[in-house]
Amino acid sequence: CVVSRSIFSMHAMGWYRQAPGKQRELV
């Protein structure tokens, strides 16, 4: 995941996923 600004300035970075028919969930 390439971010357009400094990721150190972000409070947090994360990955989520969403399967068909399911809610998006934190990975």
mmCIF file of all heavy atoms, coordinates in Angstrom:
data_MODEL
# 
_entry.id   MODEL 
# 
loop_
_atom_site.group_PDB 
_atom_site.id 
_atom_site.type_symbol 
_atom_site.label_atom_id 
_atom_site.label_alt_id 
_atom_site.label_comp_id 
_atom_site.label_asym_id 
_atom_site.label_entity_id 
_atom_site.label_seq_id 
_atom_site.pdbx_PDB_ins_code 
_atom_site.Cartn_x 
_atom_site.Cartn_y 
_atom_site.Cartn_z 
_atom_site.occupancy 
_atom_site.B_iso_or_equiv 
_atom_site.pdbx_formal_charge 
_atom_site.auth_seq_id 
_atom_site.auth_comp_id 
_atom_site.auth_asym_id 
_atom_site.auth_atom_id 
_atom_site.pdbx_PDB_model_num 
ATOM 1   N N   . CYS A 1 1  ? 0.866   -1.185  0.000  1.00 0.00 ? 1  CYS A N   1 
ATOM 2   C CA  . CYS A 1 1  ? 0.000   0.000   0.000  1.00 0.00 ? 1  CYS A CA  1 
ATOM 3   C C   . CYS A 1 1  ? 0.898   1.228   0.000  1.00 0.00 ? 1  CYS A C   1 
ATOM 4   O O   . CYS A 1 1  ? 1.583   1.497   0.993  1.00 0.00 ? 1  CYS A O   1 
ATOM 5   C CB  . CYS A 1 1  ? -0.911  0.001   1.217  1.00 0.00 ? 1  CYS A CB  1 
ATOM 6   S SG  . CYS A 1 1  ? -1.867  1.518   1.435  1.00 0.00 ? 1  CYS A SG  1 
ATOM 7   N N   . VAL A 1 2  ? 0.889   1.936   -1.110 1.00 0.00 ? 2  VAL A N   1 
ATOM 8   C CA  . VAL A 1 2  ? 1.681   3.160   -1.226 1.00 0.00 ? 2  VAL A CA  1 
ATOM 9   C C   . VAL A 1 2  ? 0.799   4.350   -0.863 1.00 0.00 ? 2  VAL A C   1 
ATOM 10  O O   . VAL A 1 2  ? -0.305  4.498   -1.390 1.00 0.00 ? 2  VAL A O   1 
ATOM 11  C CB  . VAL A 1 2  ? 2.249   3.323   -2.642 1.00 0.00 ? 2  VAL A CB  1 
ATOM 12  C CG1 . VAL A 1 2  ? 3.047   4.616   -2.752 1.00 0.00 ? 2  VAL A CG1 1 
ATOM 13  C CG2 . VAL A 1 2  ? 3.120   2.117   -3.009 1.00 0.00 ? 2  VAL A CG2 1 
ATOM 14  N N   . VAL A 1 3  ? 1.292   5.182   0.028  1.00 0.00 ? 3  VAL A N   1 
ATOM 15  C CA  . VAL A 1 3  ? 0.525   6.317   0.550  1.00 0.00 ? 3  VAL A CA  1 
ATOM 16  C C   . VAL A 1 3  ? 1.115   7.614   0.003  1.00 0.00 ? 3  VAL A C   1 
ATOM 17  O O   . VAL A 1 3  ? 2.340   7.742   -0.136 1.00 0.00 ? 3  VAL A O   1 
ATOM 18  C CB  . VAL A 1 3  ? 0.559   6.317   2.095  1.00 0.00 ? 3  VAL A CB  1 
ATOM 19  C CG1 . VAL A 1 3  ? -0.351  7.410   2.642  1.00 0.00 ? 3  VAL A CG1 1 
ATOM 20  C CG2 . VAL A 1 3  ? 0.123   4.956   2.631  1.00 0.00 ? 3  VAL A CG2 1 
ATOM 21  N N   . SER A 1 4  ? 0.233   8.591   -0.263 1.00 0.00 ? 4  SER A N   1 
ATOM 22  C CA  . SER A 1 4  ? 0.662   9.820   -0.931 1.00 0.00 ? 4  SER A CA  1 
ATOM 23  C C   . SER A 1 4  ? 1.302   10.829  0.014  1.00 0.00 ? 4  SER A C   1 
ATOM 24  O O   . SER A 1 4  ? 1.698   11.903  -0.425 1.00 0.00 ? 4  SER A O   1 
ATOM 25  C CB  . SER A 1 4  ? -0.520  10.470  -1.647 1.00 0.00 ? 4  SER A CB  1 
ATOM 26  O OG  . SER A 1 4  ? -1.513  10.854  -0.715 1.00 0.00 ? 4  SER A OG  1 
ATOM 27  N N   . ARG A 1 5  ? 1.377   10.508  1.278  1.00 0.00 ? 5  ARG A N   1 
ATOM 28  C CA  . ARG A 1 5  ? 2.054   11.372  2.227  1.00 0.00 ? 5  ARG A CA  1 
ATOM 29  C C   . ARG A 1 5  ? 2.782   10.509  3.243  1.00 0.00 ? 5  ARG A C   1 
ATOM 30  O O   . ARG A 1 5  ? 2.666   9.293   3.239  1.00 0.00 ? 5  ARG A O   1 
ATOM 31  C CB  . ARG A 1 5  ? 1.067   12.315  2.917  1.00 0.00 ? 5  ARG A CB  1 
ATOM 32  C CG  . ARG A 1 5  ? 0.026   11.632  3.770  1.00 0.00 ? 5  ARG A CG  1 
ATOM 33  C CD  . ARG A 1 5  ? -0.764  12.661  4.568  1.00 0.00 ? 5  ARG A CD  1 
ATOM 34  N NE  . ARG A 1 5  ? 0.087   13.297  5.556  1.00 0.00 ? 5  ARG A NE  1 
ATOM 35  C CZ  . ARG A 1 5  ? -0.202  14.480  6.101  1.00 0.00 ? 5  ARG A CZ  1 
ATOM 36  N NH1 . ARG A 1 5  ? -1.290  15.139  5.751  1.00 0.00 ? 5  ARG A NH1 1 
ATOM 37  N NH2 . ARG A 1 5  ? 0.600   15.003  7.013  1.00 0.00 ? 5  ARG A NH2 1 
ATOM 38  N N   . SER A 1 6  ? 3.518   11.156  4.124  1.00 0.00 ? 6  SER A N   1 
ATOM 39  C CA  . SER A 1 6  ? 4.305   10.418  5.108  1.00 0.00 ? 6  SER A CA  1 
ATOM 40  C C   . SER A 1 6  ? 3.413   9.537   5.974  1.00 0.00 ? 6  SER A C   1 
ATOM 41  O O   . SER A 1 6  ? 2.487   10.025  6.617  1.00 0.00 ? 6  SER A O   1 
ATOM 42  C CB  . SER A 1 6  ? 5.068   11.399  5.997  1.00 0.00 ? 6  SER A CB  1 
ATOM 43  O OG  . SER A 1 6  ? 5.636   10.722  7.098  1.00 0.00 ? 6  SER A OG  1 
ATOM 44  N N   . ILE A 1 7  ? 3.698   8.222   5.992  1.00 0.00 ? 7  ILE A N   1 
ATOM 45  C CA  . ILE A 1 7  ? 2.889   7.340   6.823  1.00 0.00 ? 7  ILE A CA  1 
ATOM 46  C C   . ILE A 1 7  ? 3.212   7.534   8.302  1.00 0.00 ? 7  ILE A C   1 
ATOM 47  O O   . ILE A 1 7  ? 2.428   7.172   9.158  1.00 0.00 ? 7  ILE A O   1 
ATOM 48  C CB  . ILE A 1 7  ? 3.053   5.862   6.421  1.00 0.00 ? 7  ILE A CB  1 
ATOM 49  C CG1 . ILE A 1 7  ? 4.501   5.410   6.528  1.00 0.00 ? 7  ILE A CG1 1 
ATOM 50  C CG2 . ILE A 1 7  ? 2.496   5.633   5.033  1.00 0.00 ? 7  ILE A CG2 1 
ATOM 51  C CD1 . ILE A 1 7  ? 4.682   3.917   6.268  1.00 0.00 ? 7  ILE A CD1 1 
ATOM 52  N N   . PHE A 1 8  ? 4.375   8.112   8.582  1.00 0.00 ? 8  PHE A N   1 
ATOM 53  C CA  . PHE A 1 8  ? 4.706   8.358   9.981  1.00 0.00 ? 8  PHE A CA  1 
ATOM 54  C C   . PHE A 1 8  ? 3.785   9.416   10.573 1.00 0.00 ? 8  PHE A C   1 
ATOM 55  O O   . PHE A 1 8  ? 3.617   9.478   11.792 1.00 0.00 ? 8  PHE A O   1 
ATOM 56  C CB  . PHE A 1 8  ? 6.171   8.785   10.113 1.00 0.00 ? 8  PHE A CB  1 
ATOM 57  C CG  . PHE A 1 8  ? 6.655   8.816   11.522 1.00 0.00 ? 8  PHE A CG  1 
ATOM 58  C CD1 . PHE A 1 8  ? 6.866   7.643   12.209 1.00 0.00 ? 8  PHE A CD1 1 
ATOM 59  C CD2 . PHE A 1 8  ? 6.886   10.024  12.176 1.00 0.00 ? 8  PHE A CD2 1 
ATOM 60  C CE1 . PHE A 1 8  ? 7.302   7.658   13.531 1.00 0.00 ? 8  PHE A CE1 1 
ATOM 61  C CE2 . PHE A 1 8  ? 7.321   10.055  13.495 1.00 0.00 ? 8  PHE A CE2 1 
ATOM 62  C CZ  . PHE A 1 8  ? 7.535   8.873   14.169 1.00 0.00 ? 8  PHE A CZ  1 
ATOM 63  N N   . SER A 1 9  ? 3.177   10.221  9.730  1.00 0.00 ? 9  SER A N   1 
ATOM 64  C CA  . SER A 1 9  ? 2.251   11.247  10.210 1.00 0.00 ? 9  SER A CA  1 
ATOM 65  C C   . SER A 1 9  ? 0.864   10.674  10.501 1.00 0.00 ? 9  SER A C   1 
ATOM 66  O O   . SER A 1 9  ? 0.021   11.348  11.093 1.00 0.00 ? 9  SER A O   1 
ATOM 67  C CB  . SER A 1 9  ? 2.136   12.371  9.189  1.00 0.00 ? 9  SER A CB  1 
ATOM 68  O OG  . SER A 1 9  ? 1.516   11.901  8.019  1.00 0.00 ? 9  SER A OG  1 
ATOM 69  N N   . MET A 1 10 ? 0.623   9.439   10.046 1.00 0.00 ? 10 MET A N   1 
ATOM 70  C CA  . MET A 1 10 ? -0.673  8.811   10.263 1.00 0.00 ? 10 MET A CA  1 
ATOM 71  C C   . MET A 1 10 ? -0.735  8.232   11.674 1.00 0.00 ? 10 MET A C   1 
ATOM 72  O O   . MET A 1 10 ? 0.249   7.705   12.189 1.00 0.00 ? 10 MET A O   1 
ATOM 73  C CB  . MET A 1 10 ? -0.896  7.691   9.244  1.00 0.00 ? 10 MET A CB  1 
ATOM 74  C CG  . MET A 1 10 ? -0.632  8.083   7.807  1.00 0.00 ? 10 MET A CG  1 
ATOM 75  S SD  . MET A 1 10 ? -1.775  9.319   7.187  1.00 0.00 ? 10 MET A SD  1 
ATOM 76  C CE  . MET A 1 10 ? -3.163  8.267   6.771  1.00 0.00 ? 10 MET A CE  1 
ATOM 77  N N   . HIS A 1 11 ? -1.909  8.317   12.283 1.00 0.00 ? 11 HIS A N   1 
ATOM 78  C CA  . HIS A 1 11 ? -2.068  7.723   13.611 1.00 0.00 ? 11 HIS A CA  1 
ATOM 79  C C   . HIS A 1 11 ? -1.887  6.210   13.540 1.00 0.00 ? 11 HIS A C   1 
ATOM 80  O O   . HIS A 1 11 ? -1.319  5.595   14.446 1.00 0.00 ? 11 HIS A O   1 
ATOM 81  C CB  . HIS A 1 11 ? -3.446  8.043   14.178 1.00 0.00 ? 11 HIS A CB  1 
ATOM 82  C CG  . HIS A 1 11 ? -3.676  9.509   14.376 1.00 0.00 ? 11 HIS A CG  1 
ATOM 83  N ND1 . HIS A 1 11 ? -2.728  10.360  14.903 1.00 0.00 ? 11 HIS A ND1 1 
ATOM 84  C CD2 . HIS A 1 11 ? -4.763  10.283  14.124 1.00 0.00 ? 11 HIS A CD2 1 
ATOM 85  C CE1 . HIS A 1 11 ? -3.214  11.590  14.957 1.00 0.00 ? 11 HIS A CE1 1 
ATOM 86  N NE2 . HIS A 1 11 ? -4.446  11.573  14.492 1.00 0.00 ? 11 HIS A NE2 1 
ATOM 87  N N   . ALA A 1 12 ? -2.383  5.627   12.466 1.00 0.00 ? 12 ALA A N   1 
ATOM 88  C CA  . ALA A 1 12 ? -2.287  4.184   12.296 1.00 0.00 ? 12 ALA A CA  1 
ATOM 89  C C   . ALA A 1 12 ? -2.497  3.841   10.829 1.00 0.00 ? 12 ALA A C   1 
ATOM 90  O O   . ALA A 1 12 ? -3.145  4.584   10.095 1.00 0.00 ? 12 ALA A O   1 
ATOM 91  C CB  . ALA A 1 12 ? -3.334  3.458   13.148 1.00 0.00 ? 12 ALA A CB  1 
ATOM 92  N N   . MET A 1 13 ? -1.935  2.715   10.439 1.00 0.00 ? 13 MET A N   1 
ATOM 93  C CA  . MET A 1 13 ? -2.168  2.154   9.113  1.00 0.00 ? 13 MET A CA  1 
ATOM 94  C C   . MET A 1 13 ? -2.655  0.727   9.302  1.00 0.00 ? 13 MET A C   1 
ATOM 95  O O   . MET A 1 13 ? -2.170  0.010   10.184 1.00 0.00 ? 13 MET A O   1 
ATOM 96  C CB  . MET A 1 13 ? -0.875  2.142   8.290  1.00 0.00 ? 13 MET A CB  1 
ATOM 97  C CG  . MET A 1 13 ? -0.306  3.510   7.963  1.00 0.00 ? 13 MET A CG  1 
ATOM 98  S SD  . MET A 1 13 ? -1.369  4.479   6.845  1.00 0.00 ? 13 MET A SD  1 
ATOM 99  C CE  . MET A 1 13 ? -1.556  3.362   5.464  1.00 0.00 ? 13 MET A CE  1 
ATOM 100 N N   . GLY A 1 14 ? -3.595  0.331   8.463  1.00 0.00 ? 14 GLY A N   1 
ATOM 101 C CA  . GLY A 1 14 ? -4.138  -1.009  8.649  1.00 0.00 ? 14 GLY A CA  1 
ATOM 102 C C   . GLY A 1 14 ? -4.567  -1.657  7.354  1.00 0.00 ? 14 GLY A C   1 
ATOM 103 O O   . GLY A 1 14 ? -4.650  -1.012  6.307  1.00 0.00 ? 14 GLY A O   1 
ATOM 104 N N   . TRP A 1 15 ? -4.810  -2.945  7.451  1.00 0.00 ? 15 TRP A N   1 
ATOM 105 C CA  . TRP A 1 15 ? -5.380  -3.732  6.363  1.00 0.00 ? 15 TRP A CA  1 
ATOM 106 C C   . TRP A 1 15 ? -6.713  -4.300  6.833  1.00 0.00 ? 15 TRP A C   1 
ATOM 107 O O   . TRP A 1 15 ? -6.803  -4.835  7.946  1.00 0.00 ? 15 TRP A O   1 
ATOM 108 C CB  . TRP A 1 15 ? -4.449  -4.868  5.961  1.00 0.00 ? 15 TRP A CB  1 
ATOM 109 C CG  . TRP A 1 15 ? -3.233  -4.421  5.230  1.00 0.00 ? 15 TRP A CG  1 
ATOM 110 C CD1 . TRP A 1 15 ? -1.992  -4.162  5.753  1.00 0.00 ? 15 TRP A CD1 1 
ATOM 111 C CD2 . TRP A 1 15 ? -3.131  -4.162  3.828  1.00 0.00 ? 15 TRP A CD2 1 
ATOM 112 N NE1 . TRP A 1 15 ? -1.132  -3.759  4.771  1.00 0.00 ? 15 TRP A NE1 1 
ATOM 113 C CE2 . TRP A 1 15 ? -1.800  -3.754  3.568  1.00 0.00 ? 15 TRP A CE2 1 
ATOM 114 C CE3 . TRP A 1 15 ? -4.014  -4.242  2.753  1.00 0.00 ? 15 TRP A CE3 1 
ATOM 115 C CZ2 . TRP A 1 15 ? -1.347  -3.423  2.283  1.00 0.00 ? 15 TRP A CZ2 1 
ATOM 116 C CZ3 . TRP A 1 15 ? -3.562  -3.920  1.484  1.00 0.00 ? 15 TRP A CZ3 1 
ATOM 117 C CH2 . TRP A 1 15 ? -2.244  -3.515  1.258  1.00 0.00 ? 15 TRP A CH2 1 
ATOM 118 N N   . TYR A 1 16 ? -7.701  -4.167  5.982  1.00 0.00 ? 16 TYR A N   1 
ATOM 119 C CA  . TYR A 1 16 ? -9.022  -4.716  6.223  1.00 0.00 ? 16 TYR A CA  1 
ATOM 120 C C   . TYR A 1 16 ? -9.378  -5.599  5.030  1.00 0.00 ? 16 TYR A C   1 
ATOM 121 O O   . TYR A 1 16 ? -8.773  -5.501  3.963  1.00 0.00 ? 16 TYR A O   1 
ATOM 122 C CB  . TYR A 1 16 ? -10.058 -3.597  6.353  1.00 0.00 ? 16 TYR A CB  1 
ATOM 123 C CG  . TYR A 1 16 ? -9.916  -2.772  7.608  1.00 0.00 ? 16 TYR A CG  1 
ATOM 124 C CD1 . TYR A 1 16 ? -8.861  -1.872  7.755  1.00 0.00 ? 16 TYR A CD1 1 
ATOM 125 C CD2 . TYR A 1 16 ? -10.834 -2.884  8.652  1.00 0.00 ? 16 TYR A CD2 1 
ATOM 126 C CE1 . TYR A 1 16 ? -8.719  -1.108  8.906  1.00 0.00 ? 16 TYR A CE1 1 
ATOM 127 C CE2 . TYR A 1 16 ? -10.704 -2.120  9.806  1.00 0.00 ? 16 TYR A CE2 1 
ATOM 128 C CZ  . TYR A 1 16 ? -9.646  -1.237  9.918  1.00 0.00 ? 16 TYR A CZ  1 
ATOM 129 O OH  . TYR A 1 16 ? -9.515  -0.493  11.067 1.00 0.00 ? 16 TYR A OH  1 
ATOM 130 N N   . ARG A 1 17 ? -10.368 -6.439  5.212  1.00 0.00 ? 17 ARG A N   1 
ATOM 131 C CA  . ARG A 1 17 ? -10.833 -7.253  4.091  1.00 0.00 ? 17 ARG A CA  1 
ATOM 132 C C   . ARG A 1 17 ? -12.349 -7.405  4.138  1.00 0.00 ? 17 ARG A C   1 
ATOM 133 O O   . ARG A 1 17 ? -12.960 -7.320  5.205  1.00 0.00 ? 17 ARG A O   1 
ATOM 134 C CB  . ARG A 1 17 ? -10.160 -8.629  4.099  1.00 0.00 ? 17 ARG A CB  1 
ATOM 135 C CG  . ARG A 1 17 ? -10.535 -9.523  5.266  1.00 0.00 ? 17 ARG A CG  1 
ATOM 136 C CD  . ARG A 1 17 ? -9.694  -10.795 5.239  1.00 0.00 ? 17 ARG A CD  1 
ATOM 137 N NE  . ARG A 1 17 ? -10.031 -11.702 6.342  1.00 0.00 ? 17 ARG A NE  1 
ATOM 138 C CZ  . ARG A 1 17 ? -9.355  -12.809 6.632  1.00 0.00 ? 17 ARG A CZ  1 
ATOM 139 N NH1 . ARG A 1 17 ? -8.292  -13.158 5.894  1.00 0.00 ? 17 ARG A NH1 1 
ATOM 140 N NH2 . ARG A 1 17 ? -9.732  -13.571 7.637  1.00 0.00 ? 17 ARG A NH2 1 
ATOM 141 N N   . GLN A 1 18 ? -12.898 -7.649  2.961  1.00 0.00 ? 18 GLN A N   1 
ATOM 142 C CA  . GLN A 1 18 ? -14.341 -7.850  2.852  1.00 0.00 ? 18 GLN A CA  1 
ATOM 143 C C   . GLN A 1 18 ? -14.609 -8.982  1.882  1.00 0.00 ? 18 GLN A C   1 
ATOM 144 O O   . GLN A 1 18 ? -14.263 -8.886  0.700  1.00 0.00 ? 18 GLN A O   1 
ATOM 145 C CB  . GLN A 1 18 ? -15.044 -6.575  2.402  1.00 0.00 ? 18 GLN A CB  1 
ATOM 146 C CG  . GLN A 1 18 ? -16.554 -6.677  2.439  1.00 0.00 ? 18 GLN A CG  1 
ATOM 147 C CD  . GLN A 1 18 ? -17.225 -5.324  2.304  1.00 0.00 ? 18 GLN A CD  1 
ATOM 148 O OE1 . GLN A 1 18 ? -16.626 -4.357  1.850  1.00 0.00 ? 18 GLN A OE1 1 
ATOM 149 N NE2 . GLN A 1 18 ? -18.482 -5.249  2.708  1.00 0.00 ? 18 GLN A NE2 1 
ATOM 150 N N   . ALA A 1 19 ? -15.202 -10.042 2.404  1.00 0.00 ? 19 ALA A N   1 
ATOM 151 C CA  . ALA A 1 19 ? -15.596 -11.173 1.575  1.00 0.00 ? 19 ALA A CA  1 
ATOM 152 C C   . ALA A 1 19 ? -17.020 -10.956 1.092  1.00 0.00 ? 19 ALA A C   1 
ATOM 153 O O   . ALA A 1 19 ? -17.790 -10.203 1.706  1.00 0.00 ? 19 ALA A O   1 
ATOM 154 C CB  . ALA A 1 19 ? -15.484 -12.461 2.384  1.00 0.00 ? 19 ALA A CB  1 
ATOM 155 N N   . PRO A 1 20 ? -17.419 -11.601 -0.005 1.00 0.00 ? 20 PRO A N   1 
ATOM 156 C CA  . PRO A 1 20 ? -18.782 -11.429 -0.526 1.00 0.00 ? 20 PRO A CA  1 
ATOM 157 C C   . PRO A 1 20 ? -19.839 -11.743 0.529  1.00 0.00 ? 20 PRO A C   1 
ATOM 158 O O   . PRO A 1 20 ? -19.780 -12.783 1.191  1.00 0.00 ? 20 PRO A O   1 
ATOM 159 C CB  . PRO A 1 20 ? -18.838 -12.425 -1.687 1.00 0.00 ? 20 PRO A CB  1 
ATOM 160 C CG  . PRO A 1 20 ? -17.420 -12.572 -2.115 1.00 0.00 ? 20 PRO A CG  1 
ATOM 161 C CD  . PRO A 1 20 ? -16.602 -12.472 -0.860 1.00 0.00 ? 20 PRO A CD  1 
ATOM 162 N N   . GLY A 1 21 ? -20.771 -10.829 0.695  1.00 0.00 ? 21 GLY A N   1 
ATOM 163 C CA  . GLY A 1 21 ? -21.857 -11.047 1.639  1.00 0.00 ? 21 GLY A CA  1 
ATOM 164 C C   . GLY A 1 21 ? -21.496 -10.843 3.093  1.00 0.00 ? 21 GLY A C   1 
ATOM 165 O O   . GLY A 1 21 ? -22.316 -11.091 3.982  1.00 0.00 ? 21 GLY A O   1 
ATOM 166 N N   . LYS A 1 22 ? -20.268 -10.381 3.353  1.00 0.00 ? 22 LYS A N   1 
ATOM 167 C CA  . LYS A 1 22 ? -19.831 -10.174 4.731  1.00 0.00 ? 22 LYS A CA  1 
ATOM 168 C C   . LYS A 1 22 ? -19.419 -8.726  4.951  1.00 0.00 ? 22 LYS A C   1 
ATOM 169 O O   . LYS A 1 22 ? -19.151 -7.989  3.999  1.00 0.00 ? 22 LYS A O   1 
ATOM 170 C CB  . LYS A 1 22 ? -18.676 -11.106 5.060  1.00 0.00 ? 22 LYS A CB  1 
ATOM 171 C CG  . LYS A 1 22 ? -19.045 -12.584 5.053  1.00 0.00 ? 22 LYS A CG  1 
ATOM 172 C CD  . LYS A 1 22 ? -17.906 -13.430 5.568  1.00 0.00 ? 22 LYS A CD  1 
ATOM 173 C CE  . LYS A 1 22 ? -18.288 -14.897 5.635  1.00 0.00 ? 22 LYS A CE  1 
ATOM 174 N NZ  . LYS A 1 22 ? -17.174 -15.739 6.168  1.00 0.00 ? 22 LYS A NZ  1 
ATOM 175 N N   . GLN A 1 23 ? -19.355 -8.352  6.210  1.00 0.00 ? 23 GLN A N   1 
ATOM 176 C CA  . GLN A 1 23 ? -18.911 -7.006  6.557  1.00 0.00 ? 23 GLN A CA  1 
ATOM 177 C C   . GLN A 1 23 ? -17.393 -6.894  6.447  1.00 0.00 ? 23 GLN A C   1 
ATOM 178 O O   . GLN A 1 23 ? -16.669 -7.888  6.569  1.00 0.00 ? 23 GLN A O   1 
ATOM 179 C CB  . GLN A 1 23 ? -19.358 -6.655  7.979  1.00 0.00 ? 23 GLN A CB  1 
ATOM 180 C CG  . GLN A 1 23 ? -20.852 -6.435  8.125  1.00 0.00 ? 23 GLN A CG  1 
ATOM 181 C CD  . GLN A 1 23 ? -21.219 -5.912  9.503  1.00 0.00 ? 23 GLN A CD  1 
ATOM 182 O OE1 . GLN A 1 23 ? -20.553 -6.197  10.492 1.00 0.00 ? 23 GLN A OE1 1 
ATOM 183 N NE2 . GLN A 1 23 ? -22.273 -5.121  9.567  1.00 0.00 ? 23 GLN A NE2 1 
ATOM 184 N N   . ARG A 1 24 ? -16.944 -5.687  6.232  1.00 0.00 ? 24 ARG A N   1 
ATOM 185 C CA  . ARG A 1 24 ? -15.507 -5.447  6.216  1.00 0.00 ? 24 ARG A CA  1 
ATOM 186 C C   . ARG A 1 24 ? -14.960 -5.686  7.620  1.00 0.00 ? 24 ARG A C   1 
ATOM 187 O O   . ARG A 1 24 ? -15.558 -5.264  8.608  1.00 0.00 ? 24 ARG A O   1 
ATOM 188 C CB  . ARG A 1 24 ? -15.217 -4.014  5.757  1.00 0.00 ? 24 ARG A CB  1 
ATOM 189 C CG  . ARG A 1 24 ? -13.761 -3.735  5.467  1.00 0.00 ? 24 ARG A CG  1 
ATOM 190 C CD  . ARG A 1 24 ? -13.581 -2.350  4.859  1.00 0.00 ? 24 ARG A CD  1 
ATOM 191 N NE  . ARG A 1 24 ? -14.251 -2.238  3.564  1.00 0.00 ? 24 ARG A NE  1 
ATOM 192 C CZ  . ARG A 1 24 ? -14.112 -1.185  2.758  1.00 0.00 ? 24 ARG A CZ  1 
ATOM 193 N NH1 . ARG A 1 24 ? -13.318 -0.180  3.119  1.00 0.00 ? 24 ARG A NH1 1 
ATOM 194 N NH2 . ARG A 1 24 ? -14.770 -1.136  1.622  1.00 0.00 ? 24 ARG A NH2 1 
ATOM 195 N N   . GLU A 1 25 ? -13.805 -6.360  7.700  1.00 0.00 ? 25 GLU A N   1 
ATOM 196 C CA  . GLU A 1 25 ? -13.227 -6.679  8.995  1.00 0.00 ? 25 GLU A CA  1 
ATOM 197 C C   . GLU A 1 25 ? -11.755 -6.310  9.043  1.00 0.00 ? 25 GLU A C   1 
ATOM 198 O O   . GLU A 1 25 ? -11.062 -6.319  8.025  1.00 0.00 ? 25 GLU A O   1 
ATOM 199 C CB  . GLU A 1 25 ? -13.388 -8.178  9.288  1.00 0.00 ? 25 GLU A CB  1 
ATOM 200 C CG  . GLU A 1 25 ? -12.651 -9.086  8.325  1.00 0.00 ? 25 GLU A CG  1 
ATOM 201 C CD  . GLU A 1 25 ? -12.754 -10.551 8.711  1.00 0.00 ? 25 GLU A CD  1 
ATOM 202 O OE1 . GLU A 1 25 ? -13.423 -10.885 9.706  1.00 0.00 ? 25 GLU A OE1 1 
ATOM 203 O OE2 . GLU A 1 25 ? -12.132 -11.373 8.004  1.00 0.00 ? 25 GLU A OE2 1 
ATOM 204 N N   . LEU A 1 26 ? -11.296 -6.026  10.242 1.00 0.00 ? 26 LEU A N   1 
ATOM 205 C CA  . LEU A 1 26 ? -9.894  -5.714  10.444 1.00 0.00 ? 26 LEU A CA  1 
ATOM 206 C C   . LEU A 1 26 ? -9.047  -6.967  10.283 1.00 0.00 ? 26 LEU A C   1 
ATOM 207 O O   . LEU A 1 26 ? -9.374  -8.026  10.821 1.00 0.00 ? 26 LEU A O   1 
ATOM 208 C CB  . LEU A 1 26 ? -9.683  -5.130  11.844 1.00 0.00 ? 26 LEU A CB  1 
ATOM 209 C CG  . LEU A 1 26 ? -8.238  -4.917  12.266 1.00 0.00 ? 26 LEU A CG  1 
ATOM 210 C CD1 . LEU A 1 26 ? -7.618  -3.779  11.462 1.00 0.00 ? 26 LEU A CD1 1 
ATOM 211 C CD2 . LEU A 1 26 ? -8.158  -4.617  13.756 1.00 0.00 ? 26 LEU A CD2 1 
ATOM 212 N N   . VAL A 1 27 ? -7.943  -6.830  9.562  1.00 0.00 ? 27 VAL A N   1 
ATOM 213 C CA  . VAL A 1 27 ? -6.970  -7.915  9.436  1.00 0.00 ? 27 VAL A CA  1 
ATOM 214 C C   . VAL A 1 27 ? -5.766  -7.633  10.319 1.00 0.00 ? 27 VAL A C   1 
ATOM 215 O O   . VAL A 1 27 ? -5.356  -8.465  11.118 1.00 0.00 ? 27 VAL A O   1 
ATOM 216 C CB  . VAL A 1 27 ? -6.518  -8.080  7.971  1.00 0.00 ? 27 VAL A CB  1 
ATOM 217 C CG1 . VAL A 1 27 ? -5.442  -9.152  7.868  1.00 0.00 ? 27 VAL A CG1 1 
ATOM 218 C CG2 . VAL A 1 27 ? -7.707  -8.421  7.082  1.00 0.00 ? 27 VAL A CG2 1 
# 
